[in-house]
Amino acid sequence: MVFFEAFNPNFREIISKKSKILQNIKKYTLPLRGGLLHPRHLRRFPRAILERSIRARTYGIPMNDTILCRVLGKYKMFVDPEDRGLSPHLILDGYWEIHVTEVMIDLVKDGMTAIDVGANLGYFSILLADLVGPDGKVFIAEPNPNLMSLLDQSIRINGYENRVELVSDAITAESGKELTLEIPKNFPQNGTIHWDGDDNSTSVHVRTKTLDEVVGDRPVDFIKIDVEGSEQAVWTGMQGILGRGKPLSIILEFNPGRYDDPMTFLNNFLQSGFALSQIKAKGRVPVTPEAVMEDPRHIDRMLVLSR
C-alpha cells in the first residue's frame, strides 16, 4: 500500500471508493434467486447498476448458424450472427432500448393479453411473455421468416410456448392480401413493405392480416407496434380493438417522415380517447401532437398511448 501511495497520495481514498462501489454492485447482483435477474428488478434499482448487472450475466455461444445469448440477465435468445442492427447489442450488452424496456415493465401486468407487432428477434416478445405470466397471452407478429424461426426457438427454450401465439403474416389494414417484404442484408429488423429492392436486400412474399382478425373478440390490454413506417396501416386494421373502449396501453414507434399526414395520425390517437406521452431517456413525458412534430421529421419517437 505504501508503495502505491508514493505514486498517488490519494491511493487509500481511491481504494476505499472502489471498495464501496464493488459492495454496491455485489449488493444488487448477488442476492438473486438462481443468480438471474427478474424483470421487476429493472424498476427497483438504479439503471446504471442494472445495466452493469445485465452485462455481467451476458454471454454468447455460437450454435451452427445462430448465436445463443442471455439477455436482461435472465432470458436465453437465439440471434442472427449476420445481423448488424440488434444482435450485436444483445450479444454484448444483453439489453436493447432500456428506457422502453422499463416503461413496458410498468405497463404490463400478470394475466394481461399483450400483442407485439413487428417482433424482430423477439426481445420484447420474450419479456412480454414473462410479464403476463402463465395466465396471460401474447400474440407475436413477425413476417420475416428467418426472424420468426429464431424467435420461435427463443420462445421454446424459455418455456413460454403455451402462453404465446405466433403470427407470420404482415399486420396491415386489410386481411387476405399478398405483399412483398424487402429485407436489407445485415439489417433484417428494417424489413419494409412496398419498397424497390436491390442487390443488398432479399424479397419474400407474405400474406396480410389485420390485428382485429388476429385477436378476434379477445380483450387486449397492451400493444407494441414497431413496423418501419406501416404503423398507420396497423392502426387502420385494429379499429375493432380500439372501439371496445376498455383500458388499453400502446407503445408505438412514430416517425413523421414516413406518413403522408402525420398530424392527422397523431390526432387519431386523441380522438380514440388516448393520453399521449413520449418515452425519453429518463422515462415517460406527456406531449401534445404539436410537440411531437417539433422534433426532426426523420427521428423515430417511441410514443405511449394510454386510456
C-alpha atoms as a PDB file:
ATOM      1  CA  MET A   1       0.000   0.000   0.000  1.00  0.00           C
ATOM      2  CA  VAL A   2       2.853   2.382   0.901  1.00  0.00           C
ATOM      3  CA  PHE A   3       4.479   1.675  -2.481  1.00  0.00           C
ATOM      4  CA  PHE A   4       1.374   2.795  -4.384  1.00  0.00           C
ATOM      5  CA  GLU A   5       0.902   5.841  -2.146  1.00  0.00           C
ATOM      6  CA  ALA A   6       4.276   7.074  -3.340  1.00  0.00           C
ATOM      7  CA  PHE A   7       2.752   7.480  -6.814  1.00  0.00           C
ATOM      8  CA  ASN A   8      -0.642   8.766  -5.700  1.00  0.00           C
ATOM      9  CA  PRO A   9      -1.220  10.230  -2.213  1.00  0.00           C
ATOM     10  CA  ASN A  10      -4.952   9.684  -2.669  1.00  0.00           C
ATOM     11  CA  PHE A  11      -4.497   5.971  -3.258  1.00  0.00           C
ATOM     12  CA  ARG A  12      -6.196   4.923   0.007  1.00  0.00           C
ATOM     13  CA  GLU A  13      -9.191   7.133  -0.789  1.00  0.00           C
ATOM     14  CA  ILE A  14      -9.424   5.713  -4.315  1.00  0.00           C
ATOM     15  CA  ILE A  15      -9.309   2.142  -3.000  1.00  0.00           C
ATOM     16  CA  SER A  16     -11.954   2.979  -0.405  1.00  0.00           C
ATOM     17  CA  LYS A  17     -14.317   4.434  -3.028  1.00  0.00           C
ATOM     18  CA  LYS A  18     -13.752   1.480  -5.349  1.00  0.00           C
ATOM     19  CA  SER A  19     -14.484  -0.915  -2.499  1.00  0.00           C
ATOM     20  CA  LYS A  20     -17.794   0.835  -1.799  1.00  0.00           C
ATOM     21  CA  ILE A  21     -18.756   0.679  -5.491  1.00  0.00           C
ATOM     22  CA  LEU A  22     -17.970  -3.048  -5.603  1.00  0.00           C
ATOM     23  CA  GLN A  23     -20.001  -3.580  -2.445  1.00  0.00           C
ATOM     24  CA  ASN A  24     -22.977  -1.828  -4.060  1.00  0.00           C
ATOM     25  CA  ILE A  25     -22.682  -3.936  -7.214  1.00  0.00           C
ATOM     26  CA  LYS A  26     -22.465  -7.075  -5.083  1.00  0.00           C
ATOM     27  CA  LYS A  27     -25.488  -5.936  -3.104  1.00  0.00           C
ATOM     28  CA  TYR A  28     -27.608  -5.596  -6.223  1.00  0.00           C
ATOM     29  CA  THR A  29     -26.407  -8.568  -8.238  1.00  0.00           C
ATOM     30  CA  LEU A  30     -25.624 -11.498  -5.950  1.00  0.00           C
ATOM     31  CA  PRO A  31     -28.669 -11.977  -3.666  1.00  0.00           C
ATOM     32  CA  LEU A  32     -30.880 -13.013  -6.577  1.00  0.00           C
ATOM     33  CA  ARG A  33     -32.518 -16.418  -6.754  1.00  0.00           C
ATOM     34  CA  GLY A  34     -30.627 -18.644  -9.143  1.00  0.00           C
ATOM     35  CA  GLY A  35     -28.224 -15.797  -9.913  1.00  0.00           C
ATOM     36  CA  LEU A  36     -30.665 -14.416 -12.519  1.00  0.00           C
ATOM     37  CA  LEU A  37     -32.497 -11.116 -12.693  1.00  0.00           C
ATOM     38  CA  HIS A  38     -36.262 -10.762 -12.602  1.00  0.00           C
ATOM     39  CA  PRO A  39     -37.875  -8.094 -14.846  1.00  0.00           C
ATOM     40  CA  ARG A  40     -39.225  -6.295 -11.779  1.00  0.00           C
ATOM     41  CA  HIS A  41     -35.616  -5.699 -10.674  1.00  0.00           C
ATOM     42  CA  LEU A  42     -35.314  -3.334 -13.622  1.00  0.00           C
ATOM     43  CA  ARG A  43     -37.665  -0.919 -11.863  1.00  0.00           C
ATOM     44  CA  ARG A  44     -36.381  -1.436  -8.343  1.00  0.00           C
ATOM     45  CA  PHE A  45     -32.736  -0.492  -8.657  1.00  0.00           C
ATOM     46  CA  PRO A  46     -30.773   2.376 -10.306  1.00  0.00           C
ATOM     47  CA  ARG A  47     -30.395   1.953 -14.065  1.00  0.00           C
ATOM     48  CA  ALA A  48     -26.591   2.182 -14.039  1.00  0.00           C
ATOM     49  CA  ILE A  49     -26.328  -0.666 -11.536  1.00  0.00           C
ATOM     50  CA  LEU A  50     -28.770  -2.765 -13.533  1.00  0.00           C
ATOM     51  CA  GLU A  51     -27.004  -2.216 -16.838  1.00  0.00           C
ATOM     52  CA  ARG A  52     -23.749  -3.402 -15.258  1.00  0.00           C
ATOM     53  CA  SER A  53     -25.545  -6.337 -13.680  1.00  0.00           C
ATOM     54  CA  ILE A  54     -27.119  -7.343 -17.005  1.00  0.00           C
ATOM     55  CA  ARG A  55     -23.775  -7.089 -18.811  1.00  0.00           C
ATOM     56  CA  ALA A  56     -22.149  -9.247 -16.122  1.00  0.00           C
ATOM     57  CA  ARG A  57     -24.608 -12.032 -16.984  1.00  0.00           C
ATOM     58  CA  THR A  58     -24.275 -11.624 -20.760  1.00  0.00           C
ATOM     59  CA  TYR A  59     -22.545 -14.189 -22.946  1.00  0.00           C
ATOM     60  CA  GLY A  60     -22.895 -15.676 -26.392  1.00  0.00           C
ATOM     61  CA  ILE A  61     -22.385 -19.230 -27.661  1.00  0.00           C
ATOM     62  CA  PRO A  62     -22.133 -19.962 -31.421  1.00  0.00           C
ATOM     63  CA  MET A  63     -24.553 -22.728 -32.418  1.00  0.00           C
ATOM     64  CA  ASN A  64     -24.438 -23.699 -36.110  1.00  0.00           C
ATOM     65  CA  ASP A  65     -25.864 -20.680 -37.972  1.00  0.00           C
ATOM     66  CA  THR A  66     -27.005 -18.773 -34.894  1.00  0.00           C
ATOM     67  CA  ILE A  67     -25.737 -17.460 -31.564  1.00  0.00           C
ATOM     68  CA  LEU A  68     -27.380 -18.272 -28.246  1.00  0.00           C
ATOM     69  CA  CYS A  69     -27.057 -15.415 -25.777  1.00  0.00           C
ATOM     70  CA  ARG A  70     -28.523 -14.305 -22.455  1.00  0.00           C
ATOM     71  CA  VAL A  71     -30.467 -11.033 -22.323  1.00  0.00           C
ATOM     72  CA  LEU A  72     -31.792  -8.947 -19.442  1.00  0.00           C
ATOM     73  CA  GLY A  73     -29.830 -11.143 -17.055  1.00  0.00           C
ATOM     74  CA  LYS A  74     -32.373 -13.963 -17.433  1.00  0.00           C
ATOM     75  CA  TYR A  75     -33.674 -14.969 -20.872  1.00  0.00           C
ATOM     76  CA  LYS A  76     -31.998 -17.170 -23.472  1.00  0.00           C
ATOM     77  CA  MET A  77     -32.227 -15.799 -27.012  1.00  0.00           C
ATOM     78  CA  PHE A  78     -31.172 -17.043 -30.426  1.00  0.00           C
ATOM     79  CA  VAL A  79     -29.830 -14.203 -32.586  1.00  0.00           C
ATOM     80  CA  ASP A  80     -28.538 -13.772 -36.125  1.00  0.00           C
ATOM     81  CA  PRO A  81     -24.704 -13.573 -36.389  1.00  0.00           C
ATOM     82  CA  GLU A  82     -25.009 -11.697 -39.706  1.00  0.00           C
ATOM     83  CA  ASP A  83     -27.316  -9.037 -38.244  1.00  0.00           C
ATOM     84  CA  ARG A  84     -25.552  -5.693 -37.730  1.00  0.00           C
ATOM     85  CA  GLY A  85     -28.543  -3.937 -36.149  1.00  0.00           C
ATOM     86  CA  LEU A  86     -29.953  -5.518 -32.997  1.00  0.00           C
ATOM     87  CA  SER A  87     -27.947  -8.711 -32.458  1.00  0.00           C
ATOM     88  CA  PRO A  88     -24.610  -7.072 -31.514  1.00  0.00           C
ATOM     89  CA  HIS A  89     -26.325  -5.142 -28.708  1.00  0.00           C
ATOM     90  CA  LEU A  90     -27.983  -8.265 -27.331  1.00  0.00           C
ATOM     91  CA  ILE A  91     -24.786 -10.318 -27.518  1.00  0.00           C
ATOM     92  CA  LEU A  92     -22.501  -7.741 -25.905  1.00  0.00           C
ATOM     93  CA  ASP A  93     -24.833  -5.673 -23.710  1.00  0.00           C
ATOM     94  CA  GLY A  94     -27.738  -8.004 -23.009  1.00  0.00           C
ATOM     95  CA  TYR A  95     -30.406  -5.353 -23.460  1.00  0.00           C
ATOM     96  CA  TRP A  96     -31.978  -3.025 -26.038  1.00  0.00           C
ATOM     97  CA  GLU A  97     -33.608   0.373 -25.509  1.00  0.00           C
ATOM     98  CA  ILE A  98     -33.584   0.043 -21.737  1.00  0.00           C
ATOM     99  CA  HIS A  99     -35.829   3.100 -21.315  1.00  0.00           C
ATOM    100  CA  VAL A 100     -38.522   1.437 -23.463  1.00  0.00           C
ATOM    101  CA  THR A 101     -37.975  -1.819 -21.594  1.00  0.00           C
ATOM    102  CA  GLU A 102     -38.641  -0.077 -18.276  1.00  0.00           C
ATOM    103  CA  VAL A 103     -41.875   1.514 -19.485  1.00  0.00           C
ATOM    104  CA  MET A 104     -43.115  -1.828 -20.798  1.00  0.00           C
ATOM    105  CA  ILE A 105     -42.473  -3.413 -17.419  1.00  0.00           C
ATOM    106  CA  ASP A 106     -44.505  -0.652 -15.777  1.00  0.00           C
ATOM    107  CA  LEU A 107     -47.474  -1.159 -18.111  1.00  0.00           C
ATOM    108  CA  VAL A 108     -47.768  -4.943 -18.427  1.00  0.00           C
ATOM    109  CA  LYS A 109     -49.124  -6.997 -15.532  1.00  0.00           C
ATOM    110  CA  ASP A 110     -49.767 -10.640 -14.757  1.00  0.00           C
ATOM    111  CA  GLY A 111     -52.740 -12.134 -16.583  1.00  0.00           C
ATOM    112  CA  MET A 112     -52.888  -9.495 -19.333  1.00  0.00           C
ATOM    113  CA  THR A 113     -53.277 -10.061 -23.065  1.00  0.00           C
ATOM    114  CA  ALA A 114     -50.470  -8.352 -24.999  1.00  0.00           C
ATOM    115  CA  ILE A 115     -49.543  -8.025 -28.671  1.00  0.00           C
ATOM    116  CA  ASP A 116     -46.101  -7.462 -30.210  1.00  0.00           C
ATOM    117  CA  VAL A 117     -46.423  -6.227 -33.810  1.00  0.00           C
ATOM    118  CA  GLY A 118     -43.042  -6.210 -35.540  1.00  0.00           C
ATOM    119  CA  ALA A 119     -41.356  -8.511 -33.056  1.00  0.00           C
ATOM    120  CA  ASN A 120     -37.973  -8.760 -34.792  1.00  0.00           C
ATOM    121  CA  LEU A 121     -35.846 -11.287 -32.872  1.00  0.00           C
ATOM    122  CA  GLY A 122     -38.324 -11.276 -30.009  1.00  0.00           C
ATOM    123  CA  TYR A 123     -36.521  -9.262 -27.322  1.00  0.00           C
ATOM    124  CA  PHE A 124     -39.722  -7.511 -26.237  1.00  0.00           C
ATOM    125  CA  SER A 125     -41.831 -10.596 -27.035  1.00  0.00           C
ATOM    126  CA  ILE A 126     -39.974 -12.741 -24.512  1.00  0.00           C
ATOM    127  CA  LEU A 127     -40.193 -10.004 -21.900  1.00  0.00           C
ATOM    128  CA  LEU A 128     -43.949  -9.717 -22.503  1.00  0.00           C
ATOM    129  CA  ALA A 129     -44.385 -13.489 -22.204  1.00  0.00           C
ATOM    130  CA  ASP A 130     -42.720 -13.390 -18.806  1.00  0.00           C
ATOM    131  CA  LEU A 131     -44.649 -10.329 -17.614  1.00  0.00           C
ATOM    132  CA  VAL A 132     -48.127 -11.691 -18.460  1.00  0.00           C
ATOM    133  CA  GLY A 133     -47.380 -14.949 -16.673  1.00  0.00           C
ATOM    134  CA  PRO A 134     -48.957 -18.374 -17.267  1.00  0.00           C
ATOM    135  CA  ASP A 135     -52.477 -16.926 -17.096  1.00  0.00           C
ATOM    136  CA  GLY A 136     -51.776 -14.275 -19.739  1.00  0.00           C
ATOM    137  CA  LYS A 137     -51.445 -14.377 -23.523  1.00  0.00           C
ATOM    138  CA  VAL A 138     -49.073 -12.769 -26.034  1.00  0.00           C
ATOM    139  CA  PHE A 139     -49.725 -12.547 -29.782  1.00  0.00           C
ATOM    140  CA  ILE A 140     -46.399 -12.150 -31.610  1.00  0.00           C
ATOM    141  CA  ALA A 141     -46.408 -10.938 -35.229  1.00  0.00           C
ATOM    142  CA  GLU A 142     -43.265 -11.055 -37.391  1.00  0.00           C
ATOM    143  CA  PRO A 143     -43.440 -11.624 -41.195  1.00  0.00           C
ATOM    144  CA  ASN A 144     -39.690 -12.135 -41.734  1.00  0.00           C
ATOM    145  CA  PRO A 145     -39.400 -15.960 -41.855  1.00  0.00           C
ATOM    146  CA  ASN A 146     -35.777 -16.039 -40.674  1.00  0.00           C
ATOM    147  CA  LEU A 147     -36.519 -13.859 -37.663  1.00  0.00           C
ATOM    148  CA  MET A 148     -39.659 -15.853 -36.900  1.00  0.00           C
ATOM    149  CA  SER A 149     -37.641 -19.085 -36.868  1.00  0.00           C
ATOM    150  CA  LEU A 150     -35.168 -17.668 -34.342  1.00  0.00           C
ATOM    151  CA  LEU A 151     -37.989 -16.139 -32.313  1.00  0.00           C
ATOM    152  CA  ASP A 152     -39.816 -19.468 -32.157  1.00  0.00           C
ATOM    153  CA  GLN A 153     -36.678 -21.173 -30.839  1.00  0.00           C
ATOM    154  CA  SER A 154     -36.212 -18.452 -28.213  1.00  0.00           C
ATOM    155  CA  ILE A 155     -39.807 -18.753 -27.025  1.00  0.00           C
ATOM    156  CA  ARG A 156     -39.467 -22.513 -26.661  1.00  0.00           C
ATOM    157  CA  ILE A 157     -36.100 -22.544 -24.909  1.00  0.00           C
ATOM    158  CA  ASN A 158     -37.536 -20.183 -22.279  1.00  0.00           C
ATOM    159  CA  GLY A 159     -40.628 -22.355 -21.829  1.00  0.00           C
ATOM    160  CA  TYR A 160     -43.195 -19.765 -22.929  1.00  0.00           C
ATOM    161  CA  GLU A 161     -44.759 -21.631 -25.869  1.00  0.00           C
ATOM    162  CA  ASN A 162     -48.032 -22.277 -24.034  1.00  0.00           C
ATOM    163  CA  ARG A 163     -48.717 -18.588 -23.448  1.00  0.00           C
ATOM    164  CA  VAL A 164     -47.875 -17.167 -26.903  1.00  0.00           C
ATOM    165  CA  GLU A 165     -49.353 -17.334 -30.398  1.00  0.00           C
ATOM    166  CA  LEU A 166     -47.006 -16.707 -33.321  1.00  0.00           C
ATOM    167  CA  VAL A 167     -48.331 -14.854 -36.372  1.00  0.00           C
ATOM    168  CA  SER A 168     -46.204 -14.959 -39.541  1.00  0.00           C
ATOM    169  CA  ASP A 169     -48.472 -12.635 -41.552  1.00  0.00           C
ATOM    170  CA  ALA A 170     -47.771  -8.941 -42.152  1.00  0.00           C
ATOM    171  CA  ILE A 171     -50.154  -6.924 -39.961  1.00  0.00           C
ATOM    172  CA  THR A 172     -51.786  -4.237 -42.115  1.00  0.00           C
ATOM    173  CA  ALA A 173     -55.104  -2.525 -42.863  1.00  0.00           C
ATOM    174  CA  GLU A 174     -56.602  -5.477 -44.796  1.00  0.00           C
ATOM    175  CA  SER A 175     -56.533  -9.254 -44.497  1.00  0.00           C
ATOM    176  CA  GLY A 176     -56.000 -11.746 -47.292  1.00  0.00           C
ATOM    177  CA  LYS A 177     -53.648  -9.735 -49.494  1.00  0.00           C
ATOM    178  CA  GLU A 178     -50.177 -10.751 -50.667  1.00  0.00           C
ATOM    179  CA  LEU A 179     -47.321  -8.287 -50.295  1.00  0.00           C
ATOM    180  CA  THR A 180     -43.580  -8.256 -50.897  1.00  0.00           C
ATOM    181  CA  LEU A 181     -41.349  -7.750 -47.884  1.00  0.00           C
ATOM    182  CA  GLU A 182     -37.904  -6.346 -48.699  1.00  0.00           C
ATOM    183  CA  ILE A 183     -35.286  -7.348 -46.111  1.00  0.00           C
ATOM    184  CA  PRO A 184     -31.979  -5.408 -46.181  1.00  0.00           C
ATOM    185  CA  LYS A 185     -28.880  -7.563 -45.878  1.00  0.00           C
ATOM    186  CA  ASN A 186     -27.366  -7.454 -42.355  1.00  0.00           C
ATOM    187  CA  PHE A 187     -30.309  -5.384 -41.065  1.00  0.00           C
ATOM    188  CA  PRO A 188     -33.292  -7.783 -41.017  1.00  0.00           C
ATOM    189  CA  GLN A 189     -35.154  -5.644 -38.479  1.00  0.00           C
ATOM    190  CA  ASN A 190     -35.589  -2.983 -41.189  1.00  0.00           C
ATOM    191  CA  GLY A 191     -37.753  -5.094 -43.478  1.00  0.00           C
ATOM    192  CA  THR A 192     -40.263  -2.907 -45.326  1.00  0.00           C
ATOM    193  CA  ILE A 193     -43.349  -3.431 -47.486  1.00  0.00           C
ATOM    194  CA  HIS A 194     -43.731  -1.903 -50.986  1.00  0.00           C
ATOM    195  CA  TRP A 195     -40.123  -0.877 -51.497  1.00  0.00           C
ATOM    196  CA  ASP A 196     -37.942  -1.288 -54.600  1.00  0.00           C
ATOM    197  CA  GLY A 197     -35.285  -3.796 -53.647  1.00  0.00           C
ATOM    198  CA  ASP A 198     -31.696  -4.054 -54.829  1.00  0.00           C
ATOM    199  CA  ASP A 199     -28.793  -6.489 -54.629  1.00  0.00           C
ATOM    200  CA  ASN A 200     -28.407  -5.762 -50.907  1.00  0.00           C
ATOM    201  CA  SER A 201     -31.881  -6.995 -49.993  1.00  0.00           C
ATOM    202  CA  THR A 202     -33.921 -10.188 -50.046  1.00  0.00           C
ATOM    203  CA  SER A 203     -37.560 -10.305 -51.151  1.00  0.00           C
ATOM    204  CA  VAL A 204     -40.150 -12.585 -49.565  1.00  0.00           C
ATOM    205  CA  HIS A 205     -43.875 -12.802 -50.269  1.00  0.00           C
ATOM    206  CA  VAL A 206     -46.118 -12.594 -47.220  1.00  0.00           C
ATOM    207  CA  ARG A 207     -49.847 -12.703 -46.555  1.00  0.00           C
ATOM    208  CA  THR A 208     -51.570  -9.887 -44.702  1.00  0.00           C
ATOM    209  CA  LYS A 209     -53.854  -9.922 -41.703  1.00  0.00           C
ATOM    210  CA  THR A 210     -55.487  -7.237 -39.581  1.00  0.00           C
ATOM    211  CA  LEU A 211     -54.919  -7.099 -35.857  1.00  0.00           C
ATOM    212  CA  ASP A 212     -58.663  -7.391 -35.357  1.00  0.00           C
ATOM    213  CA  GLU A 213     -58.598 -10.746 -37.156  1.00  0.00           C
ATOM    214  CA  VAL A 214     -55.592 -11.944 -35.155  1.00  0.00           C
ATOM    215  CA  VAL A 215     -57.191 -11.488 -31.725  1.00  0.00           C
ATOM    216  CA  GLY A 216     -60.881 -11.878 -32.584  1.00  0.00           C
ATOM    217  CA  ASP A 217     -63.092 -10.905 -29.653  1.00  0.00           C
ATOM    218  CA  ARG A 218     -60.389 -11.417 -27.025  1.00  0.00           C
ATOM    219  CA  PRO A 219     -59.880  -8.363 -24.775  1.00  0.00           C
ATOM    220  CA  VAL A 220     -56.488  -6.692 -25.270  1.00  0.00           C
ATOM    221  CA  ASP A 221     -54.562  -4.802 -22.583  1.00  0.00           C
ATOM    222  CA  PHE A 222     -51.257  -3.852 -24.237  1.00  0.00           C
ATOM    223  CA  ILE A 223     -49.893  -3.485 -27.790  1.00  0.00           C
ATOM    224  CA  LYS A 224     -46.386  -2.689 -29.038  1.00  0.00           C
ATOM    225  CA  ILE A 225     -46.194  -1.549 -32.681  1.00  0.00           C
ATOM    226  CA  ASP A 226     -42.859  -1.078 -34.474  1.00  0.00           C
ATOM    227  CA  VAL A 227     -43.189  -1.835 -38.190  1.00  0.00           C
ATOM    228  CA  GLU A 228     -40.862   0.552 -40.031  1.00  0.00           C
ATOM    229  CA  GLY A 229     -43.460   3.024 -41.275  1.00  0.00           C
ATOM    230  CA  SER A 230     -46.501   0.733 -41.536  1.00  0.00           C
ATOM    231  CA  GLU A 231     -47.852   1.803 -38.137  1.00  0.00           C
ATOM    232  CA  GLN A 232     -50.759   3.694 -39.691  1.00  0.00           C
ATOM    233  CA  ALA A 233     -51.866   0.607 -41.645  1.00  0.00           C
ATOM    234  CA  VAL A 234     -51.753  -1.443 -38.447  1.00  0.00           C
ATOM    235  CA  TRP A 235     -53.855   1.241 -36.727  1.00  0.00           C
ATOM    236  CA  THR A 236     -56.450   1.103 -39.502  1.00  0.00           C
ATOM    237  CA  GLY A 237     -56.759  -2.657 -39.094  1.00  0.00           C
ATOM    238  CA  MET A 238     -57.332  -2.560 -35.320  1.00  0.00           C
ATOM    239  CA  GLN A 239     -60.468  -0.424 -35.153  1.00  0.00           C
ATOM    240  CA  GLY A 240     -62.398  -3.247 -33.523  1.00  0.00           C
ATOM    241  CA  ILE A 241     -59.899  -3.358 -30.650  1.00  0.00           C
ATOM    242  CA  LEU A 242     -59.952   0.426 -30.320  1.00  0.00           C
ATOM    243  CA  GLY A 243     -63.743   0.564 -30.410  1.00  0.00           C
ATOM    244  CA  ARG A 244     -64.169  -1.575 -27.323  1.00  0.00           C
ATOM    245  CA  GLY A 245     -63.374   1.437 -25.153  1.00  0.00           C
ATOM    246  CA  LYS A 246     -61.630  -0.586 -22.449  1.00  0.00           C
ATOM    247  CA  PRO A 247     -58.356   0.441 -20.776  1.00  0.00           C
ATOM    248  CA  LEU A 248     -55.504  -0.066 -23.206  1.00  0.00           C
ATOM    249  CA  SER A 249     -51.829   0.906 -23.402  1.00  0.00           C
ATOM    250  CA  ILE A 250     -49.911   1.113 -26.674  1.00  0.00           C
ATOM    251  CA  ILE A 251     -46.208   1.688 -27.310  1.00  0.00           C
ATOM    252  CA  LEU A 252     -45.829   2.834 -30.920  1.00  0.00           C
ATOM    253  CA  GLU A 253     -42.812   3.931 -32.936  1.00  0.00           C
ATOM    254  CA  PHE A 254     -43.677   7.192 -34.697  1.00  0.00           C
ATOM    255  CA  ASN A 255     -41.650   8.841 -37.439  1.00  0.00           C
ATOM    256  CA  PRO A 256     -43.410  11.797 -39.156  1.00  0.00           C
ATOM    257  CA  GLY A 257     -41.313  11.388 -42.290  1.00  0.00           C
ATOM    258  CA  ARG A 258     -42.919   8.013 -43.000  1.00  0.00           C
ATOM    259  CA  TYR A 259     -46.567   9.127 -43.106  1.00  0.00           C
ATOM    260  CA  ASP A 260     -48.497  11.188 -45.652  1.00  0.00           C
ATOM    261  CA  ASP A 261     -50.285  13.170 -42.923  1.00  0.00           C
ATOM    262  CA  PRO A 262     -48.565  12.617 -39.565  1.00  0.00           C
ATOM    263  CA  MET A 263     -50.598  15.267 -37.723  1.00  0.00           C
ATOM    264  CA  THR A 264     -53.869  13.561 -38.624  1.00  0.00           C
ATOM    265  CA  PHE A 265     -52.396  10.262 -37.432  1.00  0.00           C
ATOM    266  CA  LEU A 266     -51.468  11.865 -34.099  1.00  0.00           C
ATOM    267  CA  ASN A 267     -54.918  13.381 -33.723  1.00  0.00           C
ATOM    268  CA  ASN A 268     -56.427   9.936 -34.330  1.00  0.00           C
ATOM    269  CA  PHE A 269     -54.833   8.853 -31.060  1.00  0.00           C
ATOM    270  CA  LEU A 270     -56.563  11.630 -29.140  1.00  0.00           C
ATOM    271  CA  GLN A 271     -59.889  11.016 -30.889  1.00  0.00           C
ATOM    272  CA  SER A 272     -59.712   7.386 -29.755  1.00  0.00           C
ATOM    273  CA  GLY A 273     -59.511   8.548 -26.144  1.00  0.00           C
ATOM    274  CA  PHE A 274     -55.790   8.151 -25.528  1.00  0.00           C
ATOM    275  CA  ALA A 275     -53.494  10.364 -23.483  1.00  0.00           C
ATOM    276  CA  LEU A 276     -50.219  10.897 -25.334  1.00  0.00           C
ATOM    277  CA  SER A 277     -46.705  10.690 -23.897  1.00  0.00           C
ATOM    278  CA  GLN A 278     -43.228  10.100 -25.280  1.00  0.00           C
ATOM    279  CA  ILE A 279     -40.541   7.806 -23.906  1.00  0.00           C
ATOM    280  CA  LYS A 280     -37.405   9.793 -23.174  1.00  0.00           C
ATOM    281  CA  ALA A 281     -34.139   8.622 -21.629  1.00  0.00           C
ATOM    282  CA  LYS A 282     -35.447   9.258 -18.112  1.00  0.00           C
ATOM    283  CA  GLY A 283     -38.968   7.932 -18.646  1.00  0.00           C
ATOM    284  CA  ARG A 284     -42.372   8.993 -19.965  1.00  0.00           C
ATOM    285  CA  VAL A 285     -43.089  12.660 -20.657  1.00  0.00           C
ATOM    286  CA  PRO A 286     -46.592  13.950 -21.576  1.00  0.00           C
ATOM    287  CA  VAL A 287     -46.611  15.516 -25.050  1.00  0.00           C
ATOM    288  CA  THR A 288     -49.007  17.140 -27.493  1.00  0.00           C
ATOM    289  CA  PRO A 289     -49.176  16.333 -31.216  1.00  0.00           C
ATOM    290  CA  GLU A 290     -47.591  19.729 -31.880  1.00  0.00           C
ATOM    291  CA  ALA A 291     -44.669  18.934 -29.579  1.00  0.00           C
ATOM    292  CA  VAL A 292     -44.103  15.579 -31.273  1.00  0.00           C
ATOM    293  CA  MET A 293     -43.943  17.321 -34.654  1.00  0.00           C
ATOM    294  CA  GLU A 294     -41.356  19.835 -33.424  1.00  0.00           C
ATOM    295  CA  ASP A 295     -38.608  17.195 -33.426  1.00  0.00           C
ATOM    296  CA  PRO A 296     -36.765  16.497 -36.712  1.00  0.00           C
ATOM    297  CA  ARG A 297     -39.030  14.574 -39.090  1.00  0.00           C
ATOM    298  CA  HIS A 298     -36.593  11.699 -39.651  1.00  0.00           C
ATOM    299  CA  ILE A 299     -36.198  10.847 -35.956  1.00  0.00           C
ATOM    300  CA  ASP A 300     -38.020   7.811 -34.545  1.00  0.00           C
ATOM    301  CA  ARG A 301     -40.032   8.553 -31.418  1.00  0.00           C
ATOM    302  CA  MET A 302     -41.437   5.941 -29.055  1.00  0.00           C
ATOM    303  CA  LEU A 303     -44.902   7.119 -28.051  1.00  0.00           C
ATOM    304  CA  VAL A 304     -47.126   5.766 -25.300  1.00  0.00           C
ATOM    305  CA  LEU A 305     -50.899   5.894 -25.739  1.00  0.00           C
ATOM    306  CA  SER A 306     -52.877   5.267 -22.556  1.00  0.00           C
ATOM    307  CA  ARG A 307     -56.564   5.259 -21.679  1.00  0.00           C
END
